[in-house]
Amino acid sequence: MNTTDAVAFWDGVYAARPAARGPRPNVRLTETVTGLPTGDALDLGCGDGGDALWLAGLGWRVTATDISAVAVERLAALARSHDLGAHVTAVRHDLRESFPPGEFDLVCAHYLHTPFALDRATVLRSAAHALRPGGRLLVVDHGSAAPWSWDQDPDTRYPSPREVADGIGLDPATWTVERADASRRIATGPGGRTAEVTDHVLLIRRTA
């Protein structure tokens, strides 16, 4: 499957959803970031933009990127409507081909899963190298599938956070794993449906 297929797929996913109305951050982000000093943040696979808008509302300067032009355009418009346009830069990137430039105090990648080929280890390694000293990389992966997920393959395997960290292959003299665990929560999906799901949470800090 090529880039055109991936773009069309994700544009279709977001076009089929009603546009977000405001910040709806992921719980793993709020529990990680609350209390941290604000700075520059990068949101990889920003989707509906809930995380980017929430961070911007706290005073972070956010670069938000997604492969879907539909998602990026919606986020830019939503940021302007909430008077957060000066704090959110929404840009389209296919992470298989390009990575946003810059240095960041926080990089977050929530549910960066796709049915298309993606070398996630390389993407997350680039993210770690884009951190300033003291900055953090937050990777939150699915540990299970919600009933409304696009991925209902019963053979899907969900790597543990430690496996993801090992795959990135970072030098422990420069990067420290601060958290690597599985956490359960009640997720809310389309139409208000709820289900218990598992998140795999990996938090890495650049120490030097």
N, C-alpha and C. Protein backbone atom coordinates (compact mmCIF):
# COMPACT_ATOMS: atom_id res chain seq x y z
N MET A 1 0.84 -1.19 0.00
CA MET A 1 0.00 0.00 0.00
C MET A 1 0.88 1.24 0.00
N ASN A 2 0.55 2.24 -0.83
CA ASN A 2 1.42 3.40 -0.98
C ASN A 2 0.91 4.60 -0.19
N THR A 3 1.65 5.71 -0.33
CA THR A 3 1.30 6.92 0.41
C THR A 3 -0.10 7.41 0.08
N THR A 4 -0.47 7.33 -1.20
CA THR A 4 -1.81 7.78 -1.60
C THR A 4 -2.88 6.99 -0.87
N ASP A 5 -2.69 5.67 -0.74
CA ASP A 5 -3.64 4.83 -0.01
C ASP A 5 -3.76 5.27 1.45
N ALA A 6 -2.61 5.52 2.08
CA ALA A 6 -2.61 5.90 3.50
C ALA A 6 -3.31 7.23 3.71
N VAL A 7 -3.02 8.21 2.86
CA VAL A 7 -3.65 9.52 2.98
C VAL A 7 -5.16 9.40 2.79
N ALA A 8 -5.57 8.66 1.77
CA ALA A 8 -7.00 8.50 1.51
C ALA A 8 -7.69 7.79 2.67
N PHE A 9 -7.03 6.78 3.23
CA PHE A 9 -7.62 6.06 4.37
C PHE A 9 -7.86 6.98 5.55
N TRP A 10 -6.81 7.72 5.95
CA TRP A 10 -6.93 8.56 7.15
C TRP A 10 -7.79 9.79 6.90
N ASP A 11 -7.76 10.33 5.70
CA ASP A 11 -8.70 11.41 5.39
C ASP A 11 -10.13 10.90 5.54
N GLY A 12 -10.38 9.67 5.09
CA GLY A 12 -11.71 9.09 5.20
C GLY A 12 -12.13 8.87 6.64
N VAL A 13 -11.18 8.41 7.47
CA VAL A 13 -11.47 8.18 8.89
C VAL A 13 -11.93 9.48 9.56
N TYR A 14 -11.18 10.57 9.32
CA TYR A 14 -11.51 11.82 10.00
C TYR A 14 -12.71 12.52 9.37
N ALA A 15 -12.87 12.40 8.07
CA ALA A 15 -14.03 13.02 7.42
C ALA A 15 -15.32 12.37 7.88
N ALA A 16 -15.26 11.10 8.27
CA ALA A 16 -16.46 10.38 8.70
C ALA A 16 -16.85 10.75 10.14
N ARG A 17 -15.96 11.40 10.86
CA ARG A 17 -16.25 11.78 12.25
C ARG A 17 -16.76 13.22 12.29
N PRO A 18 -17.63 13.53 13.23
CA PRO A 18 -17.96 14.95 13.42
C PRO A 18 -16.75 15.69 13.94
N ALA A 19 -16.57 16.92 13.51
CA ALA A 19 -15.43 17.71 13.96
C ALA A 19 -15.49 17.93 15.46
N ALA A 20 -14.33 17.93 16.10
CA ALA A 20 -14.27 18.19 17.54
C ALA A 20 -14.73 19.62 17.83
N ARG A 21 -15.22 19.82 19.04
CA ARG A 21 -15.69 21.15 19.44
C ARG A 21 -14.72 21.87 20.35
N GLY A 22 -13.80 21.14 20.92
CA GLY A 22 -12.86 21.79 21.83
C GLY A 22 -11.86 20.79 22.37
N PRO A 23 -11.02 21.21 23.31
CA PRO A 23 -9.99 20.34 23.85
C PRO A 23 -10.57 19.12 24.57
N ARG A 24 -10.15 17.93 24.15
CA ARG A 24 -10.51 16.68 24.83
C ARG A 24 -9.23 15.85 24.91
N PRO A 25 -8.38 16.17 25.88
CA PRO A 25 -7.07 15.52 25.94
C PRO A 25 -7.16 14.07 26.40
N ASN A 26 -6.19 13.29 26.00
CA ASN A 26 -6.07 11.93 26.49
C ASN A 26 -5.64 11.94 27.95
N VAL A 27 -6.20 11.03 28.73
CA VAL A 27 -5.94 11.03 30.17
C VAL A 27 -4.47 10.78 30.47
N ARG A 28 -3.78 9.99 29.64
CA ARG A 28 -2.35 9.74 29.91
C ARG A 28 -1.52 10.99 29.72
N LEU A 29 -1.98 11.89 28.86
CA LEU A 29 -1.29 13.17 28.69
C LEU A 29 -1.51 14.05 29.91
N THR A 30 -2.73 14.17 30.36
CA THR A 30 -3.02 15.08 31.47
C THR A 30 -2.31 14.63 32.74
N GLU A 31 -2.25 13.32 32.97
CA GLU A 31 -1.60 12.85 34.20
C GLU A 31 -0.09 13.00 34.12
N THR A 32 0.47 13.08 32.93
CA THR A 32 1.91 13.22 32.76
C THR A 32 2.36 14.67 32.77
N VAL A 33 1.57 15.53 32.13
CA VAL A 33 2.02 16.90 31.88
C VAL A 33 1.61 17.87 32.98
N THR A 34 0.51 17.61 33.66
CA THR A 34 0.04 18.53 34.69
C THR A 34 1.16 18.80 35.71
N GLY A 35 1.48 20.06 35.88
CA GLY A 35 2.53 20.46 36.81
C GLY A 35 3.88 20.71 36.17
N LEU A 36 4.05 20.31 34.91
CA LEU A 36 5.32 20.56 34.23
C LEU A 36 5.37 22.01 33.74
N PRO A 37 6.55 22.61 33.69
CA PRO A 37 6.65 23.95 33.09
C PRO A 37 6.33 23.88 31.60
N THR A 38 5.68 24.91 31.08
CA THR A 38 5.33 24.92 29.67
C THR A 38 6.56 25.18 28.81
N GLY A 39 6.44 24.82 27.53
CA GLY A 39 7.53 25.01 26.58
C GLY A 39 7.05 24.69 25.19
N ASP A 40 7.89 24.04 24.42
CA ASP A 40 7.55 23.66 23.05
C ASP A 40 7.18 22.19 23.02
N ALA A 41 6.05 21.89 22.40
CA ALA A 41 5.56 20.51 22.34
C ALA A 41 5.32 20.11 20.89
N LEU A 42 5.51 18.82 20.63
CA LEU A 42 5.24 18.24 19.32
C LEU A 42 4.24 17.11 19.51
N ASP A 43 3.13 17.17 18.79
CA ASP A 43 2.09 16.14 18.86
C ASP A 43 2.12 15.35 17.56
N LEU A 44 2.58 14.10 17.63
CA LEU A 44 2.69 13.25 16.45
C LEU A 44 1.39 12.47 16.26
N GLY A 45 0.79 12.59 15.09
CA GLY A 45 -0.50 11.94 14.85
C GLY A 45 -1.58 12.63 15.65
N CYS A 46 -1.74 13.93 15.43
CA CYS A 46 -2.59 14.77 16.29
C CYS A 46 -4.08 14.45 16.16
N GLY A 47 -4.50 13.85 15.04
CA GLY A 47 -5.90 13.46 14.90
C GLY A 47 -6.85 14.61 15.09
N ASP A 48 -7.83 14.43 15.98
CA ASP A 48 -8.85 15.45 16.21
C ASP A 48 -8.32 16.69 16.91
N GLY A 49 -7.13 16.61 17.47
CA GLY A 49 -6.50 17.79 18.04
C GLY A 49 -6.76 18.07 19.49
N GLY A 50 -7.40 17.14 20.19
CA GLY A 50 -7.72 17.39 21.59
C GLY A 50 -6.51 17.63 22.46
N ASP A 51 -5.44 16.87 22.23
CA ASP A 51 -4.22 17.03 23.03
C ASP A 51 -3.54 18.36 22.72
N ALA A 52 -3.44 18.69 21.45
CA ALA A 52 -2.77 19.94 21.05
C ALA A 52 -3.50 21.15 21.62
N LEU A 53 -4.81 21.16 21.54
CA LEU A 53 -5.59 22.29 22.05
C LEU A 53 -5.47 22.41 23.57
N TRP A 54 -5.48 21.28 24.25
CA TRP A 54 -5.35 21.30 25.71
C TRP A 54 -3.99 21.85 26.12
N LEU A 55 -2.95 21.38 25.47
CA LEU A 55 -1.61 21.87 25.76
C LEU A 55 -1.51 23.37 25.48
N ALA A 56 -2.05 23.80 24.36
CA ALA A 56 -2.00 25.22 24.01
C ALA A 56 -2.74 26.05 25.05
N GLY A 57 -3.83 25.53 25.55
CA GLY A 57 -4.60 26.24 26.58
C GLY A 57 -3.82 26.44 27.86
N LEU A 58 -2.84 25.55 28.10
CA LEU A 58 -1.99 25.68 29.28
C LEU A 58 -0.82 26.62 29.05
N GLY A 59 -0.61 26.99 27.77
CA GLY A 59 0.49 27.89 27.45
C GLY A 59 1.62 27.26 26.66
N TRP A 60 1.50 25.97 26.33
CA TRP A 60 2.51 25.33 25.49
C TRP A 60 2.42 25.87 24.08
N ARG A 61 3.56 25.93 23.40
CA ARG A 61 3.62 26.23 21.97
C ARG A 61 3.67 24.89 21.25
N VAL A 62 2.62 24.57 20.51
CA VAL A 62 2.43 23.21 20.01
C VAL A 62 2.57 23.14 18.50
N THR A 63 3.40 22.22 18.04
CA THR A 63 3.42 21.82 16.64
C THR A 63 2.66 20.50 16.57
N ALA A 64 1.58 20.49 15.82
CA ALA A 64 0.73 19.30 15.72
C ALA A 64 0.75 18.80 14.28
N THR A 65 0.99 17.52 14.12
CA THR A 65 1.12 16.99 12.77
C THR A 65 0.32 15.70 12.60
N ASP A 66 -0.16 15.49 11.39
CA ASP A 66 -0.89 14.28 11.05
C ASP A 66 -0.74 14.03 9.56
N ILE A 67 -0.91 12.78 9.14
CA ILE A 67 -0.87 12.45 7.72
C ILE A 67 -2.12 12.94 7.00
N SER A 68 -3.20 13.16 7.76
CA SER A 68 -4.48 13.55 7.18
C SER A 68 -4.61 15.06 7.07
N ALA A 69 -4.79 15.56 5.85
CA ALA A 69 -5.03 16.98 5.66
C ALA A 69 -6.35 17.39 6.29
N VAL A 70 -7.34 16.49 6.30
CA VAL A 70 -8.63 16.78 6.93
C VAL A 70 -8.41 17.08 8.41
N ALA A 71 -7.65 16.23 9.10
CA ALA A 71 -7.39 16.44 10.53
C ALA A 71 -6.63 17.73 10.77
N VAL A 72 -5.61 17.99 9.98
CA VAL A 72 -4.78 19.18 10.17
C VAL A 72 -5.58 20.45 9.93
N GLU A 73 -6.36 20.49 8.88
CA GLU A 73 -7.16 21.68 8.58
C GLU A 73 -8.22 21.92 9.65
N ARG A 74 -8.84 20.86 10.13
CA ARG A 74 -9.83 21.01 11.20
C ARG A 74 -9.19 21.56 12.46
N LEU A 75 -8.01 21.04 12.80
CA LEU A 75 -7.34 21.51 14.02
C LEU A 75 -6.96 22.97 13.90
N ALA A 76 -6.44 23.38 12.76
CA ALA A 76 -6.07 24.79 12.58
C ALA A 76 -7.28 25.69 12.76
N ALA A 77 -8.41 25.29 12.18
CA ALA A 77 -9.63 26.10 12.31
C ALA A 77 -10.12 26.11 13.75
N LEU A 78 -10.05 24.98 14.42
CA LEU A 78 -10.52 24.90 15.79
C LEU A 78 -9.63 25.74 16.71
N ALA A 79 -8.33 25.71 16.48
CA ALA A 79 -7.41 26.53 17.29
C ALA A 79 -7.74 28.01 17.14
N ARG A 80 -8.01 28.43 15.92
CA ARG A 80 -8.38 29.84 15.70
C ARG A 80 -9.68 30.19 16.41
N SER A 81 -10.65 29.28 16.36
CA SER A 81 -11.95 29.56 16.97
C SER A 81 -11.87 29.64 18.49
N HIS A 82 -10.83 29.03 19.08
CA HIS A 82 -10.64 29.08 20.52
C HIS A 82 -9.55 30.09 20.91
N ASP A 83 -9.20 30.97 19.97
CA ASP A 83 -8.16 31.99 20.21
C ASP A 83 -6.84 31.36 20.62
N LEU A 84 -6.54 30.19 20.04
CA LEU A 84 -5.29 29.51 20.33
C LEU A 84 -4.42 29.38 19.09
N GLY A 85 -4.80 30.11 18.03
CA GLY A 85 -4.06 30.01 16.79
C GLY A 85 -2.60 30.40 16.92
N ALA A 86 -2.29 31.31 17.84
CA ALA A 86 -0.90 31.73 18.02
C ALA A 86 -0.06 30.67 18.72
N HIS A 87 -0.73 29.69 19.34
CA HIS A 87 -0.03 28.66 20.11
C HIS A 87 0.00 27.31 19.40
N VAL A 88 -0.74 27.16 18.31
CA VAL A 88 -0.83 25.87 17.62
C VAL A 88 -0.41 26.04 16.16
N THR A 89 0.59 25.29 15.75
CA THR A 89 0.98 25.21 14.35
C THR A 89 0.62 23.81 13.87
N ALA A 90 -0.40 23.72 13.01
CA ALA A 90 -0.85 22.43 12.51
C ALA A 90 -0.29 22.21 11.12
N VAL A 91 0.48 21.13 10.95
CA VAL A 91 1.15 20.87 9.68
C VAL A 91 0.97 19.41 9.30
N ARG A 92 0.87 19.17 8.01
CA ARG A 92 0.72 17.80 7.53
C ARG A 92 2.10 17.18 7.30
N HIS A 93 2.31 15.98 7.84
CA HIS A 93 3.52 15.21 7.60
C HIS A 93 3.15 13.75 7.46
N ASP A 94 3.73 13.08 6.48
CA ASP A 94 3.73 11.63 6.43
C ASP A 94 5.02 11.20 7.10
N LEU A 95 4.92 10.65 8.29
CA LEU A 95 6.11 10.35 9.08
C LEU A 95 6.98 9.27 8.46
N ARG A 96 6.50 8.61 7.43
CA ARG A 96 7.34 7.68 6.69
C ARG A 96 8.34 8.43 5.81
N GLU A 97 8.05 9.70 5.55
CA GLU A 97 8.86 10.45 4.61
C GLU A 97 9.51 11.69 5.20
N SER A 98 8.93 12.26 6.25
CA SER A 98 9.46 13.50 6.82
C SER A 98 9.13 13.59 8.30
N PHE A 99 9.93 14.36 9.01
CA PHE A 99 9.73 14.56 10.45
C PHE A 99 9.79 16.06 10.72
N PRO A 100 8.87 16.58 11.55
CA PRO A 100 8.85 18.03 11.81
C PRO A 100 10.18 18.52 12.38
N PRO A 101 10.72 19.62 11.87
CA PRO A 101 11.98 20.15 12.40
C PRO A 101 11.77 20.85 13.73
N GLY A 102 12.85 21.03 14.46
CA GLY A 102 12.78 21.80 15.70
C GLY A 102 13.24 20.99 16.90
N GLU A 103 13.33 21.68 18.05
CA GLU A 103 13.65 21.06 19.33
C GLU A 103 12.47 21.27 20.26
N PHE A 104 12.22 20.28 21.12
CA PHE A 104 10.99 20.31 21.92
C PHE A 104 11.26 19.88 23.35
N ASP A 105 10.38 20.37 24.23
CA ASP A 105 10.41 19.97 25.64
C ASP A 105 9.49 18.79 25.90
N LEU A 106 8.59 18.55 24.97
CA LEU A 106 7.65 17.43 25.08
C LEU A 106 7.31 16.95 23.68
N VAL A 107 7.40 15.65 23.47
CA VAL A 107 6.88 15.03 22.25
C VAL A 107 5.91 13.95 22.69
N CYS A 108 4.70 13.98 22.17
CA CYS A 108 3.72 12.95 22.51
C CYS A 108 3.24 12.24 21.26
N ALA A 109 3.08 10.95 21.39
CA ALA A 109 2.59 10.11 20.30
C ALA A 109 1.53 9.19 20.88
N HIS A 110 0.28 9.58 20.71
CA HIS A 110 -0.82 8.79 21.24
C HIS A 110 -1.41 7.92 20.14
N TYR A 111 -1.38 6.62 20.38
CA TYR A 111 -2.02 5.64 19.49
C TYR A 111 -1.56 5.82 18.04
N LEU A 112 -0.25 5.87 17.87
CA LEU A 112 0.35 6.04 16.54
C LEU A 112 0.40 4.67 15.85
N HIS A 113 -0.79 4.14 15.59
CA HIS A 113 -0.95 2.86 14.93
C HIS A 113 -1.57 3.10 13.55
N THR A 114 -1.25 2.23 12.62
CA THR A 114 -1.76 2.38 11.26
C THR A 114 -1.78 1.03 10.57
N PRO A 115 -2.71 0.79 9.67
CA PRO A 115 -2.68 -0.47 8.91
C PRO A 115 -1.66 -0.44 7.78
N PHE A 116 -0.95 0.68 7.63
CA PHE A 116 0.03 0.83 6.57
C PHE A 116 1.44 0.72 7.14
N ALA A 117 2.39 0.45 6.29
CA ALA A 117 3.78 0.28 6.72
C ALA A 117 4.29 1.57 7.37
N LEU A 118 4.85 1.45 8.56
CA LEU A 118 5.44 2.59 9.26
C LEU A 118 6.53 2.06 10.18
N ASP A 119 7.73 2.57 10.01
CA ASP A 119 8.84 2.20 10.88
C ASP A 119 8.75 3.04 12.15
N ARG A 120 7.94 2.57 13.07
CA ARG A 120 7.70 3.36 14.29
C ARG A 120 8.96 3.57 15.10
N ALA A 121 9.81 2.58 15.15
CA ALA A 121 11.03 2.73 15.94
C ALA A 121 11.86 3.90 15.45
N THR A 122 11.96 4.05 14.13
CA THR A 122 12.71 5.17 13.57
C THR A 122 12.03 6.50 13.89
N VAL A 123 10.71 6.54 13.77
CA VAL A 123 9.97 7.76 14.08
C VAL A 123 10.17 8.14 15.55
N LEU A 124 10.04 7.18 16.45
CA LEU A 124 10.17 7.48 17.88
C LEU A 124 11.62 7.80 18.26
N ARG A 125 12.56 7.23 17.55
CA ARG A 125 13.97 7.58 17.77
C ARG A 125 14.21 9.03 17.35
N SER A 126 13.64 9.43 16.23
CA SER A 126 13.75 10.83 15.80
C SER A 126 13.11 11.75 16.82
N ALA A 127 11.98 11.31 17.38
CA ALA A 127 11.30 12.11 18.40
C ALA A 127 12.18 12.30 19.63
N ALA A 128 12.82 11.23 20.07
CA ALA A 128 13.69 11.32 21.24
C ALA A 128 14.87 12.25 20.99
N HIS A 129 15.42 12.19 19.78
CA HIS A 129 16.56 13.06 19.44
C HIS A 129 16.12 14.52 19.28
N ALA A 130 14.82 14.77 19.08
CA ALA A 130 14.32 16.14 18.96
C ALA A 130 14.08 16.79 20.31
N LEU A 131 14.25 16.04 21.39
CA LEU A 131 14.04 16.59 22.73
C LEU A 131 15.23 17.43 23.17
N ARG A 132 14.91 18.51 23.86
CA ARG A 132 15.95 19.25 24.58
C ARG A 132 16.30 18.48 25.85
N PRO A 133 17.48 18.72 26.43
CA PRO A 133 17.79 18.10 27.73
C PRO A 133 16.69 18.42 28.75
N GLY A 134 16.23 17.37 29.42
CA GLY A 134 15.13 17.51 30.37
C GLY A 134 13.77 17.27 29.75
N GLY A 135 13.70 17.21 28.42
CA GLY A 135 12.43 17.00 27.74
C GLY A 135 11.97 15.56 27.82
N ARG A 136 10.70 15.35 27.54
CA ARG A 136 10.09 14.02 27.68
C ARG A 136 9.40 13.58 26.41
N LEU A 137 9.51 12.29 26.15
CA LEU A 137 8.78 11.63 25.06
C LEU A 137 7.73 10.73 25.70
N LEU A 138 6.46 11.00 25.39
CA LEU A 138 5.35 10.20 25.90
C LEU A 138 4.75 9.40 24.76
N VAL A 139 4.84 8.08 24.87
CA VAL A 139 4.28 7.19 23.86
C VAL A 139 3.16 6.38 24.53
N VAL A 140 1.95 6.54 24.03
CA VAL A 140 0.80 5.80 24.54
C VAL A 140 0.25 4.94 23.41
N ASP A 141 0.28 3.64 23.62
CA ASP A 141 -0.17 2.69 22.61
C ASP A 141 -1.40 1.94 23.09
N HIS A 142 -2.14 1.40 22.14
CA HIS A 142 -3.23 0.51 22.50
C HIS A 142 -2.65 -0.78 23.08
N GLY A 143 -3.22 -1.21 24.20
CA GLY A 143 -2.91 -2.52 24.74
C GLY A 143 -4.06 -3.48 24.52
N SER A 144 -5.15 -2.94 23.99
CA SER A 144 -6.33 -3.72 23.62
C SER A 144 -7.12 -2.89 22.63
N ALA A 145 -8.10 -3.49 21.99
CA ALA A 145 -8.91 -2.78 21.00
C ALA A 145 -10.30 -2.49 21.56
N ALA A 146 -10.73 -1.24 21.43
CA ALA A 146 -12.11 -0.89 21.79
C ALA A 146 -13.05 -1.47 20.74
N PRO A 147 -14.31 -1.72 21.09
CA PRO A 147 -15.25 -2.30 20.12
C PRO A 147 -15.44 -1.45 18.88
N TRP A 148 -15.17 -0.16 18.96
CA TRP A 148 -15.39 0.74 17.82
C TRP A 148 -14.09 1.02 17.06
N SER A 149 -12.98 0.38 17.45
CA SER A 149 -11.69 0.62 16.79
C SER A 149 -11.72 0.15 15.34
N TRP A 150 -10.94 0.83 14.48
CA TRP A 150 -10.82 0.39 13.09
C TRP A 150 -10.06 -0.93 12.99
N ASP A 151 -9.30 -1.27 14.02
CA ASP A 151 -8.51 -2.50 13.99
C ASP A 151 -9.18 -3.56 14.87
N GLN A 152 -9.89 -4.48 14.25
CA GLN A 152 -10.55 -5.55 14.98
C GLN A 152 -9.94 -6.91 14.67
N ASP A 153 -8.70 -6.90 14.22
CA ASP A 153 -8.00 -8.14 13.91
C ASP A 153 -7.71 -8.89 15.21
N PRO A 154 -8.28 -10.09 15.40
CA PRO A 154 -8.06 -10.81 16.66
C PRO A 154 -6.62 -11.27 16.85
N ASP A 155 -5.84 -11.25 15.77
CA ASP A 155 -4.45 -11.69 15.86
C ASP A 155 -3.48 -10.53 16.12
N THR A 156 -4.02 -9.33 16.28
CA THR A 156 -3.15 -8.18 16.56
C THR A 156 -2.41 -8.39 17.88
N ARG A 157 -1.10 -8.16 17.83
CA ARG A 157 -0.29 -8.26 19.05
C ARG A 157 0.13 -6.86 19.47
N TYR A 158 0.01 -6.59 20.76
CA TYR A 158 0.33 -5.27 21.28
C TYR A 158 1.64 -5.34 22.05
N PRO A 159 2.75 -4.83 21.47
CA PRO A 159 4.04 -4.87 22.17
C PRO A 159 3.97 -4.13 23.51
N SER A 160 4.69 -4.63 24.49
CA SER A 160 4.73 -3.98 25.79
C SER A 160 5.52 -2.68 25.70
N PRO A 161 5.35 -1.77 26.66
CA PRO A 161 6.15 -0.54 26.65
C PRO A 161 7.65 -0.82 26.68
N ARG A 162 8.08 -1.83 27.40
CA ARG A 162 9.51 -2.16 27.44
C ARG A 162 9.99 -2.63 26.08
N GLU A 163 9.16 -3.39 25.37
CA GLU A 163 9.53 -3.82 24.03
C GLU A 163 9.66 -2.62 23.10
N VAL A 164 8.75 -1.67 23.23
CA VAL A 164 8.82 -0.45 22.42
C VAL A 164 10.11 0.31 22.74
N ALA A 165 10.42 0.44 24.01
CA ALA A 165 11.66 1.14 24.41
C ALA A 165 12.89 0.43 23.86
N ASP A 166 12.89 -0.89 23.96
CA ASP A 166 14.04 -1.65 23.44
C ASP A 166 14.17 -1.45 21.93
N GLY A 167 13.03 -1.38 21.23
CA GLY A 167 13.06 -1.21 19.79
C GLY A 167 13.61 0.15 19.37
N ILE A 168 13.37 1.16 20.19
CA ILE A 168 13.90 2.49 19.88
C ILE A 168 15.42 2.49 20.00
N GLY A 169 15.93 1.76 20.99
CA GLY A 169 17.37 1.59 21.12
C GLY A 169 18.12 2.84 21.53
N LEU A 170 17.65 3.53 22.56
CA LEU A 170 18.29 4.76 23.00
C LEU A 170 19.40 4.49 24.01
N ASP A 171 20.43 5.32 23.99
CA ASP A 171 21.56 5.20 24.90
C ASP A 171 21.11 5.59 26.31
N PRO A 172 21.19 4.68 27.29
CA PRO A 172 20.74 5.01 28.65
C PRO A 172 21.56 6.11 29.31
N ALA A 173 22.70 6.43 28.75
CA ALA A 173 23.49 7.54 29.29
C ALA A 173 22.86 8.88 28.95
N THR A 174 21.97 8.90 27.96
CA THR A 174 21.35 10.14 27.52
C THR A 174 19.85 10.17 27.75
N TRP A 175 19.20 9.01 27.70
CA TRP A 175 17.74 8.93 27.87
C TRP A 175 17.39 7.94 28.97
N THR A 176 16.43 8.32 29.81
CA THR A 176 16.01 7.48 30.93
C THR A 176 14.54 7.12 30.79
N VAL A 177 14.21 5.84 30.94
CA VAL A 177 12.81 5.42 30.95
C VAL A 177 12.24 5.73 32.33
N GLU A 178 11.28 6.64 32.38
CA GLU A 178 10.68 7.03 33.65
C GLU A 178 9.41 6.24 33.95
N ARG A 179 8.78 5.72 32.90
CA ARG A 179 7.56 4.95 33.11
C ARG A 179 7.40 3.96 31.96
N ALA A 180 7.01 2.73 32.28
CA ALA A 180 6.73 1.72 31.27
C ALA A 180 5.75 0.73 31.89
N ASP A 181 4.47 0.94 31.64
CA ASP A 181 3.47 0.09 32.28
C ASP A 181 2.19 0.01 31.46
N ALA A 182 1.29 -0.84 31.90
CA ALA A 182 -0.03 -0.99 31.29
C ALA A 182 -1.07 -0.49 32.29
N SER A 183 -1.98 0.37 31.80
CA SER A 183 -3.01 0.95 32.67
C SER A 183 -4.37 0.80 32.01
N ARG A 184 -5.36 0.50 32.81
CA ARG A 184 -6.72 0.34 32.30
C ARG A 184 -7.52 1.62 32.53
N ARG A 185 -8.48 1.85 31.66
CA ARG A 185 -9.38 2.98 31.80
C ARG A 185 -10.69 2.66 31.09
N ILE A 186 -11.71 3.46 31.37
CA ILE A 186 -12.98 3.36 30.66
C ILE A 186 -12.96 4.39 29.54
N ALA A 187 -13.03 3.91 28.32
CA ALA A 187 -13.03 4.79 27.14
C ALA A 187 -14.44 5.03 26.66
N THR A 188 -14.64 6.22 26.09
CA THR A 188 -15.93 6.58 25.52
C THR A 188 -15.78 6.71 24.02
N GLY A 189 -16.63 6.03 23.28
CA GLY A 189 -16.56 6.03 21.83
C GLY A 189 -17.75 6.69 21.20
N PRO A 190 -17.95 6.46 19.90
CA PRO A 190 -19.07 7.07 19.18
C PRO A 190 -20.41 6.74 19.82
N GLY A 191 -21.26 7.75 19.85
CA GLY A 191 -22.59 7.56 20.40
C GLY A 191 -22.62 7.38 21.90
N GLY A 192 -21.49 7.68 22.57
CA GLY A 192 -21.45 7.56 24.02
C GLY A 192 -21.18 6.15 24.52
N ARG A 193 -20.85 5.22 23.63
CA ARG A 193 -20.53 3.86 24.05
C ARG A 193 -19.29 3.86 24.93
N THR A 194 -19.26 2.98 25.91
CA THR A 194 -18.10 2.88 26.79
C THR A 194 -17.57 1.45 26.81
N ALA A 195 -16.29 1.34 27.09
CA ALA A 195 -15.65 0.03 27.20
C ALA A 195 -14.36 0.17 27.97
N GLU A 196 -13.97 -0.86 28.70
CA GLU A 196 -12.69 -0.86 29.38
C GLU A 196 -11.59 -1.21 28.38
N VAL A 197 -10.54 -0.41 28.34
CA VAL A 197 -9.42 -0.65 27.43
C VAL A 197 -8.12 -0.56 28.22
N THR A 198 -7.06 -1.07 27.61
CA THR A 198 -5.74 -1.03 28.22
C THR A 198 -4.83 -0.11 27.41
N ASP A 199 -4.13 0.77 28.09
CA ASP A 199 -3.12 1.62 27.48
C ASP A 199 -1.73 1.11 27.86
N HIS A 200 -0.84 1.08 26.89
CA HIS A 200 0.58 0.83 27.16
C HIS A 200 1.28 2.18 27.17
N VAL A 201 1.87 2.52 28.30
CA VAL A 201 2.42 3.87 28.51
C VAL A 201 3.93 3.80 28.67
N LEU A 202 4.61 4.58 27.85
CA LEU A 202 6.07 4.70 27.89
C LEU A 202 6.44 6.16 28.00
N LEU A 203 7.21 6.52 29.02
CA LEU A 203 7.68 7.89 29.21
C LEU A 203 9.19 7.89 29.30
N ILE A 204 9.82 8.61 28.41
CA ILE A 204 11.28 8.67 28.35
C ILE A 204 11.72 10.13 28.51
N ARG A 205 12.72 10.36 29.34
CA ARG A 205 13.25 11.71 29.56
C ARG A 205 14.67 11.79 29.04
N ARG A 206 14.96 12.88 28.32
CA ARG A 206 16.33 13.13 27.88
C ARG A 206 17.09 13.78 29.02
N THR A 207 18.14 13.14 29.47
CA THR A 207 18.86 13.63 30.65
C THR A 207 20.11 14.41 30.30
N ALA A 208 20.57 14.31 29.04
CA ALA A 208 21.80 15.00 28.65
C ALA A 208 21.70 15.46 27.21
